[in-house]
Amino acid sequence: MSLDWNDLQYFLSVARTGRLTEAARRLGTDHATVSRRVKALETALAARLFERSPRGYALTEAGERLLVHAERMESSAARMQSEIAGENMALGGAVRLGAPDGFGSYFLAPRIGTLTRQYPGLDLQIVAMPRVFSLSKREADIAIGFHRPTEGRLVSRKLTDYRLHLYASRSYLACHDPIESRDDLAGHLVIGYIPDLIFAPELDYLPQVSPQIKPRLTSTNLIAQMRATAAGTGLCVLPDFMAVENADLRPVLPNQIDIVRTFWLVLHADLRDTARVRAVADFIAAETEAAKALFLPETVPGAVPTVRPDPA
């Protein structure tokens, strides 16, 4: 039986998702079709590609070997489209971007319309979630992360450093004891990430603020933390580029608590020369560079200027 190259698409989808139903959803078909095409591929290769169990589909040794070849073919096909079909055609198609909720929702989403108007054929997908995206499993074509990866066939570029400060609403500060030093923080409600669900060590801010405080209200979602802070619930470490959008937020101890983190743009080496992926990556880098003052402001958003007495 000759091998049907189209069956490799079904194989890749099952290998990356581990389930027929999810693979079928991604491919826009039904699970029976996916199962039939995978079985046809196994017959053509005279090899068992998956171990089937109630937990899903796991690659066998033969499946692992095939995965390497199938991904190379997938990458070659993408490059072929980019190089031969022409730049305009190559810019038609889907690009999935995985980003932290703050960067994806607050910074990128309001700006991405420029790119959609420039390339009407692009289908842009922003997955703004607090998680690490696996580019090798094609969970995203481009990922925004907090550190530069050192393993895998990935390429990266630094987007920007950005600052974070401790914030509270004006109403909260008006109704609670004044905060004049880090020692005063122990008597206040602190908002933060759920400790055992922090997906990146760079997000574990509170030990840097004070080892004596523990969050009493926690969430995996930074936007939820910010909304709770703006509602007067407590204190929270927030990026300045998000806090600037809420005029009611005020920095707490801005001269003592000043945290710096970094955004990195990461993509799979096989996709870096694909025109549509390159166009999106270059757009994100250009927009971030143009907004450097937003990520690294000279003055902390919401800070109340110090009024010095007239020496006369």
Protein backbone atom coordinates (compact mmCIF):
# COMPACT_ATOMS: atom_id res chain seq x y z
CA MET A 1 0.00 0.00 0.00
CA SER A 2 1.46 3.37 -1.07
CA LEU A 3 1.77 6.15 1.49
CA ASP A 4 -0.74 9.02 1.26
CA TRP A 5 1.18 12.18 2.18
CA ASN A 6 -2.01 13.84 3.39
CA ASP A 7 -2.22 11.26 6.18
CA LEU A 8 0.82 12.89 7.78
CA GLN A 9 -1.28 15.93 8.66
CA TYR A 10 -3.62 13.72 10.66
CA PHE A 11 -0.66 11.98 12.28
CA LEU A 12 0.89 15.31 13.32
CA SER A 13 -2.33 16.58 14.82
CA VAL A 14 -2.83 13.44 16.93
CA ALA A 15 0.83 13.45 17.97
CA ARG A 16 0.52 17.05 19.19
CA THR A 17 -2.83 16.79 20.93
CA GLY A 18 -2.81 13.19 22.15
CA ARG A 19 -6.54 12.82 21.41
CA LEU A 20 -8.60 12.06 18.32
CA THR A 21 -11.37 14.51 19.21
CA GLU A 22 -8.99 17.44 19.69
CA ALA A 23 -7.06 16.53 16.54
CA ALA A 24 -10.33 16.40 14.60
CA ARG A 25 -11.39 19.79 15.95
CA ARG A 26 -8.12 21.37 14.83
CA LEU A 27 -8.42 19.80 11.37
CA GLY A 28 -12.08 20.65 10.93
CA THR A 29 -13.23 17.06 10.58
CA ASP A 30 -14.59 14.22 12.75
CA HIS A 31 -12.69 11.79 14.96
CA ALA A 32 -13.69 8.78 12.83
CA THR A 33 -11.93 10.30 9.82
CA VAL A 34 -8.82 11.02 11.88
CA SER A 35 -8.77 7.45 13.21
CA ARG A 36 -9.18 6.01 9.70
CA ARG A 37 -6.38 8.14 8.24
CA VAL A 38 -3.98 7.25 11.07
CA LYS A 39 -4.72 3.55 10.61
CA ALA A 40 -4.11 3.90 6.87
CA LEU A 41 -0.74 5.49 7.58
CA GLU A 42 0.18 2.68 9.99
CA THR A 43 -0.75 0.13 7.33
CA ALA A 44 1.30 1.90 4.67
CA LEU A 45 4.34 2.02 6.95
CA ALA A 46 3.75 -1.42 8.46
CA ALA A 47 4.34 0.10 11.88
CA ARG A 48 2.32 0.94 14.97
CA LEU A 49 2.59 4.68 15.53
CA PHE A 50 0.55 5.16 18.72
CA GLU A 51 -0.14 3.37 21.97
CA ARG A 52 -3.85 3.78 22.63
CA SER A 53 -5.18 4.06 26.20
CA PRO A 54 -8.03 5.77 28.10
CA ARG A 55 -5.62 8.68 28.68
CA GLY A 56 -5.20 9.24 24.94
CA TYR A 57 -2.69 8.51 22.20
CA ALA A 58 1.04 8.29 23.00
CA LEU A 59 3.73 7.94 20.34
CA THR A 60 5.51 4.61 19.99
CA GLU A 61 9.21 4.45 19.14
CA ALA A 62 8.27 4.26 15.46
CA GLY A 63 5.93 7.21 15.92
CA GLU A 64 8.71 9.27 17.49
CA ARG A 65 10.93 8.58 14.48
CA LEU A 66 8.16 9.47 12.06
CA LEU A 67 7.43 12.70 13.95
CA VAL A 68 10.92 14.02 13.13
CA HIS A 69 10.43 13.40 9.40
CA ALA A 70 6.84 14.67 9.35
CA GLU A 71 7.77 17.96 11.02
CA ARG A 72 10.61 18.46 8.53
CA MET A 73 8.16 17.92 5.68
CA GLU A 74 5.71 20.34 7.25
CA SER A 75 8.41 22.98 7.56
CA SER A 76 9.60 22.40 4.00
CA ALA A 77 6.06 22.85 2.72
CA ALA A 78 5.73 26.14 4.60
CA ARG A 79 9.04 27.40 3.19
CA MET A 80 8.02 26.29 -0.30
CA GLN A 81 4.84 28.34 -0.07
CA SER A 82 6.76 31.33 1.22
CA GLU A 83 9.51 31.19 -1.42
CA ILE A 84 7.63 30.01 -4.49
CA ALA A 85 3.99 31.01 -4.14
CA GLY A 86 4.95 34.66 -3.73
CA GLU A 87 5.02 37.06 -0.81
CA ASN A 88 1.38 38.13 -1.08
CA MET A 89 0.05 34.57 -1.17
CA ALA A 90 2.39 33.51 1.63
CA LEU A 91 0.88 36.21 3.81
CA GLY A 92 -2.49 34.54 3.61
CA GLY A 93 -3.15 31.98 6.33
CA ALA A 94 -3.28 31.55 10.07
CA VAL A 95 -0.70 32.75 12.60
CA ARG A 96 -1.30 31.85 16.23
CA LEU A 97 0.33 34.03 18.87
CA GLY A 98 0.67 32.86 22.45
CA ALA A 99 1.21 35.64 24.97
CA PRO A 100 0.81 36.39 28.68
CA ASP A 101 -2.60 37.85 29.46
CA GLY A 102 -1.29 41.33 30.22
CA PHE A 103 0.83 41.71 27.07
CA GLY A 104 -1.70 40.00 24.80
CA SER A 105 -4.82 41.76 26.07
CA TYR A 106 -3.56 45.19 27.15
CA PHE A 107 -0.74 45.89 24.72
CA LEU A 108 -1.12 43.78 21.59
CA ALA A 109 -4.89 43.51 21.10
CA PRO A 110 -5.50 47.28 20.66
CA ARG A 111 -2.69 47.50 18.08
CA ILE A 112 -3.11 44.34 16.00
CA GLY A 113 -5.82 45.88 13.81
CA THR A 114 -3.11 47.73 11.86
CA LEU A 115 -1.65 44.41 10.77
CA THR A 116 -5.02 42.91 9.79
CA ARG A 117 -5.69 45.92 7.56
CA GLN A 118 -2.23 45.68 5.99
CA TYR A 119 -2.63 41.97 5.18
CA PRO A 120 -6.31 41.10 4.66
CA GLY A 121 -5.43 37.45 4.02
CA LEU A 122 -3.97 36.92 7.48
CA ASP A 123 -5.96 34.98 10.06
CA LEU A 124 -4.55 36.16 13.40
CA GLN A 125 -5.19 34.22 16.60
CA ILE A 126 -4.18 35.75 19.95
CA VAL A 127 -4.08 33.20 22.78
CA ALA A 128 -3.69 35.47 25.83
CA MET A 129 -3.25 33.05 28.71
CA PRO A 130 -0.92 32.67 31.72
CA ARG A 131 0.95 29.58 30.51
CA VAL A 132 4.02 28.33 28.66
CA PHE A 133 3.32 27.57 24.99
CA SER A 134 4.99 24.60 23.30
CA LEU A 135 6.16 25.69 19.87
CA SER A 136 7.38 22.19 19.03
CA LYS A 137 3.80 20.93 19.44
CA ARG A 138 2.57 23.90 17.37
CA GLU A 139 0.45 25.25 20.23
CA ALA A 140 1.51 28.62 18.82
CA ASP A 141 3.57 29.90 15.90
CA ILE A 142 4.96 32.79 17.96
CA ALA A 143 5.22 32.99 21.74
CA ILE A 144 5.93 35.88 24.07
CA GLY A 145 7.83 34.70 27.15
CA PHE A 146 9.70 36.00 30.16
CA HIS A 147 13.09 34.39 29.45
CA ARG A 148 15.25 33.40 26.52
CA PRO A 149 14.92 29.66 25.80
CA THR A 150 18.13 27.63 25.81
CA GLU A 151 16.80 24.30 24.55
CA GLY A 152 15.04 23.14 21.42
CA ARG A 153 15.08 24.42 17.85
CA LEU A 154 13.90 27.89 18.80
CA VAL A 155 14.99 31.37 17.82
CA SER A 156 14.32 34.41 19.98
CA ARG A 157 14.79 38.12 20.22
CA LYS A 158 14.49 40.47 23.14
CA LEU A 159 11.47 42.73 22.85
CA THR A 160 11.90 45.00 25.85
CA ASP A 161 12.46 45.28 29.56
CA TYR A 162 9.45 46.49 31.51
CA ARG A 163 8.85 47.83 35.01
CA LEU A 164 6.44 46.76 37.72
CA HIS A 165 5.49 48.49 40.97
CA LEU A 166 3.25 47.82 43.92
CA TYR A 167 -0.15 49.46 43.40
CA ALA A 168 -3.35 50.16 45.33
CA SER A 169 -6.46 52.18 44.59
CA ARG A 170 -6.94 55.66 46.01
CA SER A 171 -9.98 54.43 47.93
CA TYR A 172 -7.97 51.61 49.55
CA LEU A 173 -5.16 53.94 50.60
CA ALA A 174 -7.65 56.44 52.03
CA CYS A 175 -9.31 53.81 54.25
CA HIS A 176 -6.25 51.95 55.57
CA ASP A 177 -3.17 52.66 57.64
CA PRO A 178 -0.44 54.59 55.83
CA ILE A 179 2.43 52.65 54.24
CA GLU A 180 5.76 54.32 54.83
CA SER A 181 8.10 51.32 54.66
CA ARG A 182 8.11 47.65 53.69
CA ASP A 183 7.48 46.72 57.32
CA ASP A 184 4.05 48.35 57.09
CA LEU A 185 2.96 45.94 54.33
CA ALA A 186 2.37 43.11 56.82
CA GLY A 187 -0.86 44.71 57.97
CA HIS A 188 -2.39 44.93 54.49
CA LEU A 189 -4.19 42.51 52.20
CA VAL A 190 -1.94 41.54 49.30
CA ILE A 191 -3.12 40.21 45.92
CA GLY A 192 -0.95 37.90 43.83
CA TYR A 193 -0.57 34.67 41.90
CA ILE A 194 -1.60 31.28 43.27
CA PRO A 195 1.83 30.05 44.50
CA ASP A 196 1.70 26.48 43.18
CA LEU A 197 0.27 27.60 39.82
CA ILE A 198 2.91 30.20 38.93
CA PHE A 199 3.96 29.05 35.46
CA ALA A 200 7.16 31.13 35.24
CA PRO A 201 9.56 31.95 38.09
CA GLU A 202 9.80 35.53 36.81
CA LEU A 203 6.22 36.06 38.05
CA ASP A 204 7.05 35.23 41.66
CA TYR A 205 7.31 38.90 42.66
CA LEU A 206 6.31 38.97 46.33
CA PRO A 207 9.56 37.61 47.85
CA GLN A 208 11.26 40.54 46.15
CA VAL A 209 8.75 42.95 47.71
CA SER A 210 9.02 41.53 51.24
CA PRO A 211 9.67 38.00 52.55
CA GLN A 212 7.20 38.70 55.37
CA ILE A 213 4.05 39.00 53.26
CA LYS A 214 1.82 36.34 51.75
CA PRO A 215 -1.06 36.95 49.35
CA ARG A 216 -4.55 36.51 50.78
CA LEU A 217 -6.31 36.86 47.43
CA THR A 218 -4.78 34.97 44.52
CA SER A 219 -5.51 34.35 40.86
CA THR A 220 -3.70 32.86 37.86
CA ASN A 221 -4.97 35.80 35.80
CA LEU A 222 -3.19 39.16 35.97
CA ILE A 223 -6.22 41.05 34.68
CA ALA A 224 -8.32 39.61 37.53
CA GLN A 225 -5.64 40.75 39.99
CA MET A 226 -5.68 44.24 38.52
CA ARG A 227 -9.46 44.55 38.62
CA ALA A 228 -9.53 43.44 42.24
CA THR A 229 -6.87 46.03 43.04
CA ALA A 230 -8.74 48.79 41.23
CA ALA A 231 -11.88 47.87 43.21
CA GLY A 232 -10.08 48.65 46.48
CA THR A 233 -9.46 45.09 47.63
CA GLY A 234 -5.76 45.34 48.41
CA LEU A 235 -2.20 45.80 47.16
CA CYS A 236 -0.81 44.14 44.04
CA VAL A 237 2.36 44.13 41.92
CA LEU A 238 1.35 45.29 38.43
CA PRO A 239 3.20 46.22 35.24
CA ASP A 240 3.32 49.96 34.70
CA PHE A 241 2.09 49.56 31.11
CA MET A 242 -1.18 48.15 32.50
CA ALA A 243 -1.53 50.40 35.56
CA VAL A 244 -1.28 53.55 33.43
CA GLU A 245 -4.73 52.77 31.98
CA ASN A 246 -6.44 53.12 35.37
CA ALA A 247 -6.23 56.63 36.78
CA ASP A 248 -7.44 55.45 40.21
CA LEU A 249 -4.35 53.29 40.85
CA ARG A 250 -1.51 54.71 42.92
CA PRO A 251 2.01 53.29 43.34
CA VAL A 252 3.01 52.25 46.86
CA LEU A 253 6.64 52.80 47.94
CA PRO A 254 7.73 53.39 44.32
CA ASN A 255 11.23 54.44 45.35
CA GLN A 256 11.73 51.24 47.36
CA ILE A 257 9.90 48.65 45.25
CA ASP A 258 10.98 48.73 41.60
CA ILE A 259 10.90 45.43 39.71
CA VAL A 260 12.19 44.87 36.16
CA ARG A 261 11.32 41.94 33.91
CA THR A 262 11.81 41.18 30.19
CA PHE A 263 9.58 40.16 27.30
CA TRP A 264 11.09 37.80 24.70
CA LEU A 265 9.66 36.91 21.30
CA VAL A 266 10.19 33.24 20.47
CA LEU A 267 9.41 31.17 17.39
CA HIS A 268 10.32 27.77 16.00
CA ALA A 269 13.39 27.72 13.77
CA ASP A 270 11.39 26.00 11.01
CA LEU A 271 8.98 28.95 10.81
CA ARG A 272 11.32 31.94 11.02
CA ASP A 273 11.54 32.27 7.20
CA THR A 274 7.81 31.80 6.62
CA ALA A 275 6.58 35.15 5.34
CA ARG A 276 3.36 35.38 7.34
CA VAL A 277 5.08 34.44 10.62
CA ARG A 278 7.96 36.80 9.94
CA ALA A 279 5.54 39.64 9.18
CA VAL A 280 3.71 39.18 12.49
CA ALA A 281 6.96 38.86 14.47
CA ASP A 282 8.38 42.01 12.88
CA PHE A 283 5.14 43.89 13.58
CA ILE A 284 5.20 42.96 17.27
CA ALA A 285 8.86 43.95 17.58
CA ALA A 286 8.26 47.31 15.86
CA GLU A 287 5.20 48.14 17.98
CA THR A 288 7.05 47.24 21.18
CA GLU A 289 10.03 49.38 20.21
CA ALA A 290 7.75 52.32 19.44
CA ALA A 291 6.16 51.97 22.89
CA LYS A 292 9.36 51.80 24.94
CA ALA A 293 8.22 54.74 27.06
CA LEU A 294 5.13 52.74 28.04
CA PHE A 295 7.15 49.76 29.26
CA LEU A 296 9.93 51.82 30.86
CA PRO A 297 8.32 55.12 31.90
CA GLU A 298 10.47 57.86 33.36
CA THR A 299 7.88 58.45 36.09
CA VAL A 300 5.72 55.82 37.77
CA PRO A 301 2.07 55.99 36.60
CA GLY A 302 -0.16 57.52 39.26
CA ALA A 303 2.70 58.83 41.38
CA VAL A 304 1.81 61.99 43.26
CA PRO A 305 4.49 64.65 42.71
CA THR A 306 6.32 65.78 45.80
CA VAL A 307 5.52 69.38 46.62
CA ARG A 308 8.62 71.08 47.99
CA PRO A 309 8.21 74.21 50.16
CA ASP A 310 9.27 77.50 48.70
CA PRO A 311 12.66 78.32 50.29
CA ALA A 312 11.66 81.99 50.37
